[in-house]
C-alpha cells in the first residue's frame, strides 16, 4: 500500500498551500503599506536602510517595495511564473532579514520569522508551483531544472 502523502496529488496540494500562504502574506504586507500611505511607510523605514546602501537607492527600494510585494504575492497565489516570483520573494526576504536583524552588520541577534518564509520561498524557487498552478496550464513550468 502506497503512503498517501508521497503521491503527486499530495505534493501538488502541499505546493499549493505553500504558494498561497506565502503569497497571501506578501499581498497583505504590500496592501498594508499602500493603504497606510507609501510615503509614510518610506519615511518610517528610512532608518532601517543599512549603512552600506546609498540613501537614494534605499529610498527608491522602499518606494517600490509595497507594489512589488503585492505583485509577487499575486503571482504566488495563482502560480504564475512561480519560480521567478519565489526567487524575487527570497531576495526581498533576505533584504528584510538584513534590515531587521542587521545580520553580519553588528545588529542584535534574534529569531526572525522571515527565515521561515525564506525557507518556503526557496522551496518554491527550486520546485515550482506544482500541477495546481497557472504555470501548469501553459504546458510547462517556469524556468527551472529539467524534468527527467
Foldseek 3Di string as FASTA:
>chain_A
DDDPCPDLVNVLVVLLVLLLVLLVVLQVVLVVCVVVPLVVQLVVLLVLDDPVDDSVVSSVCSSCRSVLSNVLSVCSNQQPLQLVSLVVLLVVLVSVCCSPQVVVNPGPDDDDCSVVNNVSSVVCNAPGNGCRHVCVVVVHGHDYDDDD
